[in-house]
Amino acid sequence: MLGFGQVQLCPLRAHLGRLVISPDYRGLGLSYEVVNRLIEVAVRQQDIHIISLFVYESNKAALTSYNNLGFVPTAYPKDVSSIKHCQYMTLRY
C-alpha cells in the first residue's frame, strides 16, 4: 500500500482523516493524489465548499504538503473539539 486516507462528510464541509503515505514513497506527490481523490469523492456525494483536516504541529513535512495543496491554518469551529498539539486546517473548494 502506498497511501491511505478517509473522508467524513459533515454539514457544509468534508473532513479528511487518517492521511498516510508510506515512508518509502514520500516526496513523490502521492499526498496530492490522495487528497484530491478524497475531495472528488466528497464533492460527488454532497455540495462541499470547505475541506478540513487536522495535522500534528510537529509534522513539518505534512504541514508543508498541506500548505502546498492550499490548506490554511484555521481557528477550530465551535462544533469541533480541540486536539492538543494539532493544527486545524481548511481549504475552500
PDB file of N, CA and C in Angstrom:
ATOM      1  N   MET A   1       0.847  -1.166   0.000  1.00  0.00           N
ATOM      2  CA  MET A   1       0.000   0.000   0.000  1.00  0.00           C
ATOM      3  C   MET A   1       0.896   1.233   0.000  1.00  0.00           C
ATOM      4  N   LEU A   2       0.580   2.153  -0.893  1.00  0.00           N
ATOM      5  CA  LEU A   2       1.372   3.377  -0.993  1.00  0.00           C
ATOM      6  C   LEU A   2       0.845   4.487  -0.097  1.00  0.00           C
ATOM      7  N   GLY A   3      -0.478   4.542   0.059  1.00  0.00           N
ATOM      8  CA  GLY A   3      -1.074   5.589   0.866  1.00  0.00           C
ATOM      9  C   GLY A   3      -2.499   5.255   1.232  1.00  0.00           C
ATOM     10  N   PHE A   4      -3.041   6.046   2.153  1.00  0.00           N
ATOM     11  CA  PHE A   4      -4.388   5.800   2.656  1.00  0.00           C
ATOM     12  C   PHE A   4      -4.965   7.106   3.165  1.00  0.00           C
ATOM     13  N   GLY A   5      -6.267   7.246   3.077  1.00  0.00           N
ATOM     14  CA  GLY A   5      -6.953   8.391   3.643  1.00  0.00           C
ATOM     15  C   GLY A   5      -8.437   8.126   3.725  1.00  0.00           C
ATOM     16  N   GLN A   6      -9.116   8.886   4.563  1.00  0.00           N
ATOM     17  CA  GLN A   6     -10.558   8.766   4.724  1.00  0.00           C
ATOM     18  C   GLN A   6     -11.184  10.145   4.615  1.00  0.00           C
ATOM     19  N   VAL A   7     -12.451  10.163   4.208  1.00  0.00           N
ATOM     20  CA  VAL A   7     -13.206  11.407   4.157  1.00  0.00           C
ATOM     21  C   VAL A   7     -14.501  11.207   4.927  1.00  0.00           C
ATOM     22  N   GLN A   8     -14.829  12.174   5.759  1.00  0.00           N
ATOM     23  CA  GLN A   8     -16.070  12.161   6.523  1.00  0.00           C
ATOM     24  C   GLN A   8     -16.886  13.366   6.076  1.00  0.00           C
ATOM     25  N   LEU A   9     -18.113  13.100   5.636  1.00  0.00           N
ATOM     26  CA  LEU A   9     -18.987  14.192   5.227  1.00  0.00           C
ATOM     27  C   LEU A   9     -19.647  14.788   6.454  1.00  0.00           C
ATOM     28  N   CYS A  10     -19.540  16.094   6.597  1.00  0.00           N
ATOM     29  CA  CYS A  10     -20.111  16.853   7.703  1.00  0.00           C
ATOM     30  C   CYS A  10     -21.027  17.912   7.099  1.00  0.00           C
ATOM     31  N   PRO A  11     -21.884  18.518   7.894  1.00  0.00           N
ATOM     32  CA  PRO A  11     -22.677  19.622   7.352  1.00  0.00           C
ATOM     33  C   PRO A  11     -21.759  20.731   6.817  1.00  0.00           C
ATOM     34  N   LEU A  12     -21.921  21.050   5.565  1.00  0.00           N
ATOM     35  CA  LEU A  12     -21.216  22.148   4.887  1.00  0.00           C
ATOM     36  C   LEU A  12     -19.734  21.916   4.617  1.00  0.00           C
ATOM     37  N   ARG A  13     -19.193  20.763   4.987  1.00  0.00           N
ATOM     38  CA  ARG A  13     -17.778  20.519   4.729  1.00  0.00           C
ATOM     39  C   ARG A  13     -17.504  19.019   4.678  1.00  0.00           C
ATOM     40  N   ALA A  14     -16.320  18.687   4.208  1.00  0.00           N
ATOM     41  CA  ALA A  14     -15.809  17.323   4.262  1.00  0.00           C
ATOM     42  C   ALA A  14     -14.547  17.361   5.108  1.00  0.00           C
ATOM     43  N   HIS A  15     -14.382  16.369   5.950  1.00  0.00           N
ATOM     44  CA  HIS A  15     -13.206  16.314   6.815  1.00  0.00           C
ATOM     45  C   HIS A  15     -12.346  15.127   6.411  1.00  0.00           C
ATOM     46  N   LEU A  16     -11.071  15.387   6.161  1.00  0.00           N
ATOM     47  CA  LEU A  16     -10.128  14.335   5.793  1.00  0.00           C
ATOM     48  C   LEU A  16      -9.427  13.827   7.042  1.00  0.00           C
ATOM     49  N   GLY A  17      -9.189  12.536   7.082  1.00  0.00           N
ATOM     50  CA  GLY A  17      -8.526  11.954   8.236  1.00  0.00           C
ATOM     51  C   GLY A  17      -7.708  10.739   7.863  1.00  0.00           C
ATOM     52  N   ARG A  18      -6.860  10.348   8.800  1.00  0.00           N
ATOM     53  CA  ARG A  18      -6.004   9.173   8.648  1.00  0.00           C
ATOM     54  C   ARG A  18      -5.231   9.206   7.329  1.00  0.00           C
ATOM     55  N   LEU A  19      -4.706  10.375   7.010  1.00  0.00           N
ATOM     56  CA  LEU A  19      -3.929  10.533   5.783  1.00  0.00           C
ATOM     57  C   LEU A  19      -2.509  10.048   6.027  1.00  0.00           C
ATOM     58  N   VAL A  20      -2.114   9.041   5.274  1.00  0.00           N
ATOM     59  CA  VAL A  20      -0.799   8.426   5.465  1.00  0.00           C
ATOM     60  C   VAL A  20      -0.210   8.067   4.102  1.00  0.00           C
ATOM     61  N   ILE A  21       1.054   8.360   3.933  1.00  0.00           N
ATOM     62  CA  ILE A  21       1.807   7.914   2.760  1.00  0.00           C
ATOM     63  C   ILE A  21       2.948   7.047   3.277  1.00  0.00           C
ATOM     64  N   SER A  22       3.155   5.902   2.662  1.00  0.00           N
ATOM     65  CA  SER A  22       4.238   5.012   3.058  1.00  0.00           C
ATOM     66  C   SER A  22       5.562   5.776   3.059  1.00  0.00           C
ATOM     67  N   PRO A  23       6.371   5.616   4.118  1.00  0.00           N
ATOM     68  CA  PRO A  23       7.648   6.343   4.180  1.00  0.00           C
ATOM     69  C   PRO A  23       8.527   6.153   2.946  1.00  0.00           C
ATOM     70  N   ASP A  24       8.470   4.993   2.322  1.00  0.00           N
ATOM     71  CA  ASP A  24       9.292   4.734   1.142  1.00  0.00           C
ATOM     72  C   ASP A  24       8.843   5.517  -0.082  1.00  0.00           C
ATOM     73  N   TYR A  25       7.641   6.088  -0.036  1.00  0.00           N
ATOM     74  CA  TYR A  25       7.083   6.767  -1.204  1.00  0.00           C
ATOM     75  C   TYR A  25       6.762   8.243  -0.949  1.00  0.00           C
ATOM     76  N   ARG A  26       7.257   8.776   0.138  1.00  0.00           N
ATOM     77  CA  ARG A  26       7.026  10.193   0.430  1.00  0.00           C
ATOM     78  C   ARG A  26       7.872  11.062  -0.487  1.00  0.00           C
ATOM     79  N   GLY A  27       7.379  12.255  -0.759  1.00  0.00           N
ATOM     80  CA  GLY A  27       8.106  13.187  -1.615  1.00  0.00           C
ATOM     81  C   GLY A  27       7.867  12.988  -3.099  1.00  0.00           C
ATOM     82  N   LEU A  28       6.925  12.113  -3.452  1.00  0.00           N
ATOM     83  CA  LEU A  28       6.642  11.837  -4.861  1.00  0.00           C
ATOM     84  C   LEU A  28       5.315  12.430  -5.326  1.00  0.00           C
ATOM     85  N   GLY A  29       4.676  13.224  -4.479  1.00  0.00           N
ATOM     86  CA  GLY A  29       3.403  13.831  -4.855  1.00  0.00           C
ATOM     87  C   GLY A  29       2.183  12.971  -4.584  1.00  0.00           C
ATOM     88  N   LEU A  30       2.371  11.871  -3.860  1.00  0.00           N
ATOM     89  CA  LEU A  30       1.233  10.983  -3.601  1.00  0.00           C
ATOM     90  C   LEU A  30       0.205  11.613  -2.668  1.00  0.00           C
ATOM     91  N   SER A  31       0.643  12.457  -1.739  1.00  0.00           N
ATOM     92  CA  SER A  31      -0.330  13.103  -0.851  1.00  0.00           C
ATOM     93  C   SER A  31      -1.274  13.982  -1.662  1.00  0.00           C
ATOM     94  N   TYR A  32      -0.749  14.636  -2.690  1.00  0.00           N
ATOM     95  CA  TYR A  32      -1.581  15.439  -3.581  1.00  0.00           C
ATOM     96  C   TYR A  32      -2.652  14.563  -4.232  1.00  0.00           C
ATOM     97  N   GLU A  33      -2.264  13.397  -4.716  1.00  0.00           N
ATOM     98  CA  GLU A  33      -3.208  12.477  -5.357  1.00  0.00           C
ATOM     99  C   GLU A  33      -4.262  11.972  -4.376  1.00  0.00           C
ATOM    100  N   VAL A  34      -3.833  11.549  -3.197  1.00  0.00           N
ATOM    101  CA  VAL A  34      -4.770  11.015  -2.206  1.00  0.00           C
ATOM    102  C   VAL A  34      -5.771  12.094  -1.788  1.00  0.00           C
ATOM    103  N   VAL A  35      -5.278  13.275  -1.451  1.00  0.00           N
ATOM    104  CA  VAL A  35      -6.159  14.358  -1.004  1.00  0.00           C
ATOM    105  C   VAL A  35      -7.137  14.747  -2.103  1.00  0.00           C
ATOM    106  N   ASN A  36      -6.657  14.908  -3.318  1.00  0.00           N
ATOM    107  CA  ASN A  36      -7.552  15.316  -4.399  1.00  0.00           C
ATOM    108  C   ASN A  36      -8.586  14.253  -4.745  1.00  0.00           C
ATOM    109  N   ARG A  37      -8.236  13.011  -4.655  1.00  0.00           N
ATOM    110  CA  ARG A  37      -9.230  11.947  -4.915  1.00  0.00           C
ATOM    111  C   ARG A  37     -10.277  11.895  -3.807  1.00  0.00           C
ATOM    112  N   LEU A  38      -9.866  12.102  -2.569  1.00  0.00           N
ATOM    113  CA  LEU A  38     -10.836  12.151  -1.474  1.00  0.00           C
ATOM    114  C   LEU A  38     -11.792  13.334  -1.640  1.00  0.00           C
ATOM    115  N   ILE A  39     -11.261  14.463  -2.069  1.00  0.00           N
ATOM    116  CA  ILE A  39     -12.112  15.630  -2.319  1.00  0.00           C
ATOM    117  C   ILE A  39     -13.101  15.325  -3.437  1.00  0.00           C
ATOM    118  N   GLU A  40     -12.639  14.673  -4.501  1.00  0.00           N
ATOM    119  CA  GLU A  40     -13.534  14.307  -5.606  1.00  0.00           C
ATOM    120  C   GLU A  40     -14.676  13.419  -5.119  1.00  0.00           C
ATOM    121  N   VAL A  41     -14.370  12.451  -4.277  1.00  0.00           N
ATOM    122  CA  VAL A  41     -15.392  11.562  -3.723  1.00  0.00           C
ATOM    123  C   VAL A  41     -16.406  12.365  -2.923  1.00  0.00           C
ATOM    124  N   ALA A  42     -15.932  13.270  -2.091  1.00  0.00           N
ATOM    125  CA  ALA A  42     -16.823  14.072  -1.245  1.00  0.00           C
ATOM    126  C   ALA A  42     -17.728  14.962  -2.093  1.00  0.00           C
ATOM    127  N   VAL A  43     -17.155  15.617  -3.085  1.00  0.00           N
ATOM    128  CA  VAL A  43     -17.919  16.546  -3.924  1.00  0.00           C
ATOM    129  C   VAL A  43     -18.991  15.811  -4.726  1.00  0.00           C
ATOM    130  N   ARG A  44     -18.713  14.580  -5.133  1.00  0.00           N
ATOM    131  CA  ARG A  44     -19.724  13.793  -5.867  1.00  0.00           C
ATOM    132  C   ARG A  44     -20.915  13.445  -4.983  1.00  0.00           C
ATOM    133  N   GLN A  45     -20.688  13.347  -3.684  1.00  0.00           N
ATOM    134  CA  GLN A  45     -21.748  12.915  -2.773  1.00  0.00           C
ATOM    135  C   GLN A  45     -22.562  14.065  -2.206  1.00  0.00           C
ATOM    136  N   GLN A  46     -21.964  15.247  -2.104  1.00  0.00           N
ATOM    137  CA  GLN A  46     -22.690  16.372  -1.498  1.00  0.00           C
ATOM    138  C   GLN A  46     -22.026  17.671  -1.914  1.00  0.00           C
ATOM    139  N   ASP A  47     -22.787  18.750  -1.858  1.00  0.00           N
ATOM    140  CA  ASP A  47     -22.280  20.065  -2.239  1.00  0.00           C
ATOM    141  C   ASP A  47     -21.321  20.554  -1.156  1.00  0.00           C
ATOM    142  N   ILE A  48     -20.032  20.440  -1.420  1.00  0.00           N
ATOM    143  CA  ILE A  48     -18.983  20.745  -0.448  1.00  0.00           C
ATOM    144  C   ILE A  48     -18.185  21.951  -0.933  1.00  0.00           C
ATOM    145  N   HIS A  49     -17.912  22.876  -0.029  1.00  0.00           N
ATOM    146  CA  HIS A  49     -17.083  24.027  -0.376  1.00  0.00           C
ATOM    147  C   HIS A  49     -15.926  24.218   0.595  1.00  0.00           C
ATOM    148  N   ILE A  50     -15.907  23.446   1.669  1.00  0.00           N
ATOM    149  CA  ILE A  50     -14.806  23.532   2.640  1.00  0.00           C
ATOM    150  C   ILE A  50     -14.321  22.114   2.939  1.00  0.00           C
ATOM    151  N   ILE A  51     -13.017  21.936   2.891  1.00  0.00           N
ATOM    152  CA  ILE A  51     -12.376  20.675   3.246  1.00  0.00           C
ATOM    153  C   ILE A  51     -11.533  20.975   4.478  1.00  0.00           C
ATOM    154  N   SER A  52     -11.621  20.107   5.490  1.00  0.00           N
ATOM    155  CA  SER A  52     -10.852  20.338   6.710  1.00  0.00           C
ATOM    156  C   SER A  52     -10.011  19.113   7.049  1.00  0.00           C
ATOM    157  N   LEU A  53      -9.020  19.332   7.891  1.00  0.00           N
ATOM    158  CA  LEU A  53      -8.188  18.243   8.393  1.00  0.00           C
ATOM    159  C   LEU A  53      -7.443  18.720   9.632  1.00  0.00           C
ATOM    160  N   PHE A  54      -6.912  17.772  10.373  1.00  0.00           N
ATOM    161  CA  PHE A  54      -6.027  18.046  11.499  1.00  0.00           C
ATOM    162  C   PHE A  54      -4.632  17.560  11.123  1.00  0.00           C
ATOM    163  N   VAL A  55      -3.624  18.242  11.615  1.00  0.00           N
ATOM    164  CA  VAL A  55      -2.251  17.793  11.424  1.00  0.00           C
ATOM    165  C   VAL A  55      -1.467  18.143  12.685  1.00  0.00           C
ATOM    166  N   TYR A  56      -0.629  17.215  13.113  1.00  0.00           N
ATOM    167  CA  TYR A  56       0.209  17.499  14.275  1.00  0.00           C
ATOM    168  C   TYR A  56       1.167  18.641  13.946  1.00  0.00           C
ATOM    169  N   GLU A  57       1.288  19.580  14.858  1.00  0.00           N
ATOM    170  CA  GLU A  57       2.155  20.735  14.657  1.00  0.00           C
ATOM    171  C   GLU A  57       3.615  20.334  14.461  1.00  0.00           C
ATOM    172  N   SER A  58       4.010  19.185  14.986  1.00  0.00           N
ATOM    173  CA  SER A  58       5.388  18.711  14.856  1.00  0.00           C
ATOM    174  C   SER A  58       5.656  18.018  13.518  1.00  0.00           C
ATOM    175  N   ASN A  59       4.615  17.745  12.744  1.00  0.00           N
ATOM    176  CA  ASN A  59       4.765  17.042  11.469  1.00  0.00           C
ATOM    177  C   ASN A  59       5.015  18.062  10.356  1.00  0.00           C
ATOM    178  N   LYS A  60       6.241  18.550  10.296  1.00  0.00           N
ATOM    179  CA  LYS A  60       6.599  19.627   9.362  1.00  0.00           C
ATOM    180  C   LYS A  60       6.403  19.218   7.902  1.00  0.00           C
ATOM    181  N   ALA A  61       6.688  17.974   7.563  1.00  0.00           N
ATOM    182  CA  ALA A  61       6.511  17.524   6.175  1.00  0.00           C
ATOM    183  C   ALA A  61       5.041  17.582   5.770  1.00  0.00           C
ATOM    184  N   ALA A  62       4.151  17.129   6.651  1.00  0.00           N
ATOM    185  CA  ALA A  62       2.723  17.158   6.347  1.00  0.00           C
ATOM    186  C   ALA A  62       2.218  18.595   6.282  1.00  0.00           C
ATOM    187  N   LEU A  63       2.669  19.444   7.208  1.00  0.00           N
ATOM    188  CA  LEU A  63       2.270  20.853   7.179  1.00  0.00           C
ATOM    189  C   LEU A  63       2.662  21.504   5.852  1.00  0.00           C
ATOM    190  N   THR A  64       3.867  21.242   5.405  1.00  0.00           N
ATOM    191  CA  THR A  64       4.336  21.786   4.126  1.00  0.00           C
ATOM    192  C   THR A  64       3.483  21.269   2.981  1.00  0.00           C
ATOM    193  N   SER A  65       3.204  19.977   2.992  1.00  0.00           N
ATOM    194  CA  SER A  65       2.388  19.374   1.944  1.00  0.00           C
ATOM    195  C   SER A  65       1.000  19.994   1.888  1.00  0.00           C
ATOM    196  N   TYR A  66       0.358  20.128   3.048  1.00  0.00           N
ATOM    197  CA  TYR A  66      -0.993  20.691   3.077  1.00  0.00           C
ATOM    198  C   TYR A  66      -0.982  22.169   2.686  1.00  0.00           C
ATOM    199  N   ASN A  67       0.035  22.898   3.103  1.00  0.00           N
ATOM    200  CA  ASN A  67       0.165  24.293   2.669  1.00  0.00           C
ATOM    201  C   ASN A  67       0.292  24.370   1.150  1.00  0.00           C
ATOM    202  N   ASN A  68       1.097  23.484   0.566  1.00  0.00           N
ATOM    203  CA  ASN A  68       1.274  23.464  -0.886  1.00  0.00           C
ATOM    204  C   ASN A  68      -0.020  23.101  -1.611  1.00  0.00           C
ATOM    205  N   LEU A  69      -0.883  22.350  -0.954  1.00  0.00           N
ATOM    206  CA  LEU A  69      -2.179  21.992  -1.535  1.00  0.00           C
ATOM    207  C   LEU A  69      -3.217  23.104  -1.374  1.00  0.00           C
ATOM    208  N   GLY A  70      -2.872  24.157  -0.627  1.00  0.00           N
ATOM    209  CA  GLY A  70      -3.773  25.285  -0.457  1.00  0.00           C
ATOM    210  C   GLY A  70      -4.492  25.345   0.874  1.00  0.00           C
ATOM    211  N   PHE A  71      -4.225  24.397   1.771  1.00  0.00           N
ATOM    212  CA  PHE A  71      -4.836  24.422   3.104  1.00  0.00           C
ATOM    213  C   PHE A  71      -4.200  25.546   3.921  1.00  0.00           C
ATOM    214  N   VAL A  72      -5.011  26.165   4.762  1.00  0.00           N
ATOM    215  CA  VAL A  72      -4.509  27.241   5.626  1.00  0.00           C
ATOM    216  C   VAL A  72      -4.912  26.956   7.072  1.00  0.00           C
ATOM    217  N   PRO A  73      -4.061  27.345   8.026  1.00  0.00           N
ATOM    218  CA  PRO A  73      -4.437  27.207   9.436  1.00  0.00           C
ATOM    219  C   PRO A  73      -5.715  28.000   9.700  1.00  0.00           C
ATOM    220  N   THR A  74      -6.624  27.386  10.444  1.00  0.00           N
ATOM    221  CA  THR A  74      -7.928  27.978  10.701  1.00  0.00           C
ATOM    222  C   THR A  74      -8.289  27.758  12.162  1.00  0.00           C
ATOM    223  N   ALA A  75      -9.002  28.700  12.737  1.00  0.00           N
ATOM    224  CA  ALA A  75      -9.481  28.522  14.111  1.00  0.00           C
ATOM    225  C   ALA A  75     -10.449  27.341  14.147  1.00  0.00           C
ATOM    226  N   TYR A  76     -10.401  26.606  15.243  1.00  0.00           N
ATOM    227  CA  TYR A  76     -11.313  25.480  15.416  1.00  0.00           C
ATOM    228  C   TYR A  76     -12.756  25.986  15.399  1.00  0.00           C
ATOM    229  N   PRO A  77     -13.648  25.335  14.653  1.00  0.00           N
ATOM    230  CA  PRO A  77     -15.068  25.705  14.721  1.00  0.00           C
ATOM    231  C   PRO A  77     -15.642  25.360  16.092  1.00  0.00           C
ATOM    232  N   LYS A  78     -16.733  25.993  16.453  1.00  0.00           N
ATOM    233  CA  LYS A  78     -17.346  25.754  17.765  1.00  0.00           C
ATOM    234  C   LYS A  78     -17.769  24.308  17.957  1.00  0.00           C
ATOM    235  N   ASP A  79     -18.140  23.617  16.866  1.00  0.00           N
ATOM    236  CA  ASP A  79     -18.623  22.246  16.985  1.00  0.00           C
ATOM    237  C   ASP A  79     -17.506  21.198  16.918  1.00  0.00           C
ATOM    238  N   VAL A  80     -16.243  21.650  16.881  1.00  0.00           N
ATOM    239  CA  VAL A  80     -15.108  20.732  16.783  1.00  0.00           C
ATOM    240  C   VAL A  80     -14.252  20.860  18.037  1.00  0.00           C
ATOM    241  N   SER A  81     -14.019  19.735  18.698  1.00  0.00           N
ATOM    242  CA  SER A  81     -13.182  19.737  19.899  1.00  0.00           C
ATOM    243  C   SER A  81     -11.718  19.933  19.527  1.00  0.00           C
ATOM    244  N   SER A  82     -11.050  20.735  20.297  1.00  0.00           N
ATOM    245  CA  SER A  82      -9.634  20.992  20.094  1.00  0.00           C
ATOM    246  C   SER A  82      -8.829  19.735  20.412  1.00  0.00           C
ATOM    247  N   ILE A  83      -7.796  19.490  19.612  1.00  0.00           N
ATOM    248  CA  ILE A  83      -6.900  18.359  19.834  1.00  0.00           C
ATOM    249  C   ILE A  83      -5.527  18.925  20.164  1.00  0.00           C
ATOM    250  N   LYS A  84      -4.987  18.498  21.295  1.00  0.00           N
ATOM    251  CA  LYS A  84      -3.706  19.015  21.771  1.00  0.00           C
ATOM    252  C   LYS A  84      -2.608  18.795  20.727  1.00  0.00           C
ATOM    253  N   HIS A  85      -1.859  19.852  20.459  1.00  0.00           N
ATOM    254  CA  HIS A  85      -0.717  19.851  19.548  1.00  0.00           C
ATOM    255  C   HIS A  85      -1.105  19.604  18.087  1.00  0.00           C
ATOM    256  N   CYS A  86      -2.376  19.833  17.747  1.00  0.00           N
ATOM    257  CA  CYS A  86      -2.822  19.677  16.360  1.00  0.00           C
ATOM    258  C   CYS A  86      -3.275  21.011  15.799  1.00  0.00           C
ATOM    259  N   GLN A  87      -2.941  21.229  14.558  1.00  0.00           N
ATOM    260  CA  GLN A  87      -3.395  22.400  13.820  1.00  0.00           C
ATOM    261  C   GLN A  87      -4.625  21.980  13.012  1.00  0.00           C
ATOM    262  N   TYR A  88      -5.655  22.797  13.049  1.00  0.00           N
ATOM    263  CA  TYR A  88      -6.838  22.590  12.226  1.00  0.00           C
ATOM    264  C   TYR A  88      -6.637  23.407  10.964  1.00  0.00           C
ATOM    265  N   MET A  89      -6.800  22.780   9.797  1.00  0.00           N
ATOM    266  CA  MET A  89      -6.574  23.468   8.534  1.00  0.00           C
ATOM    267  C   MET A  89      -7.773  23.289   7.622  1.00  0.00           C
ATOM    268  N   THR A  90      -8.016  24.279   6.785  1.00  0.00           N
ATOM    269  CA  THR A  90      -9.121  24.182   5.838  1.00  0.00           C
ATOM    270  C   THR A  90      -8.676  24.620   4.443  1.00  0.00           C
ATOM    271  N   LEU A  91      -9.447  24.154   3.485  1.00  0.00           N
ATOM    272  CA  LEU A  91      -9.266  24.512   2.081  1.00  0.00           C
ATOM    273  C   LEU A  91     -10.636  24.881   1.544  1.00  0.00           C
ATOM    274  N   ARG A  92     -10.761  26.068   0.970  1.00  0.00           N
ATOM    275  CA  ARG A  92     -12.013  26.460   0.309  1.00  0.00           C
ATOM    276  C   ARG A  92     -11.991  25.846  -1.075  1.00  0.00           C
ATOM    277  N   TYR A  93     -13.065  25.151  -1.399  1.00  0.00           N
ATOM    278  CA  TYR A  93     -13.110  24.411  -2.663  1.00  0.00           C
ATOM    279  C   TYR A  93     -14.184  24.965  -3.564  1.00  0.00           C
TER     280      TYR A  93
END
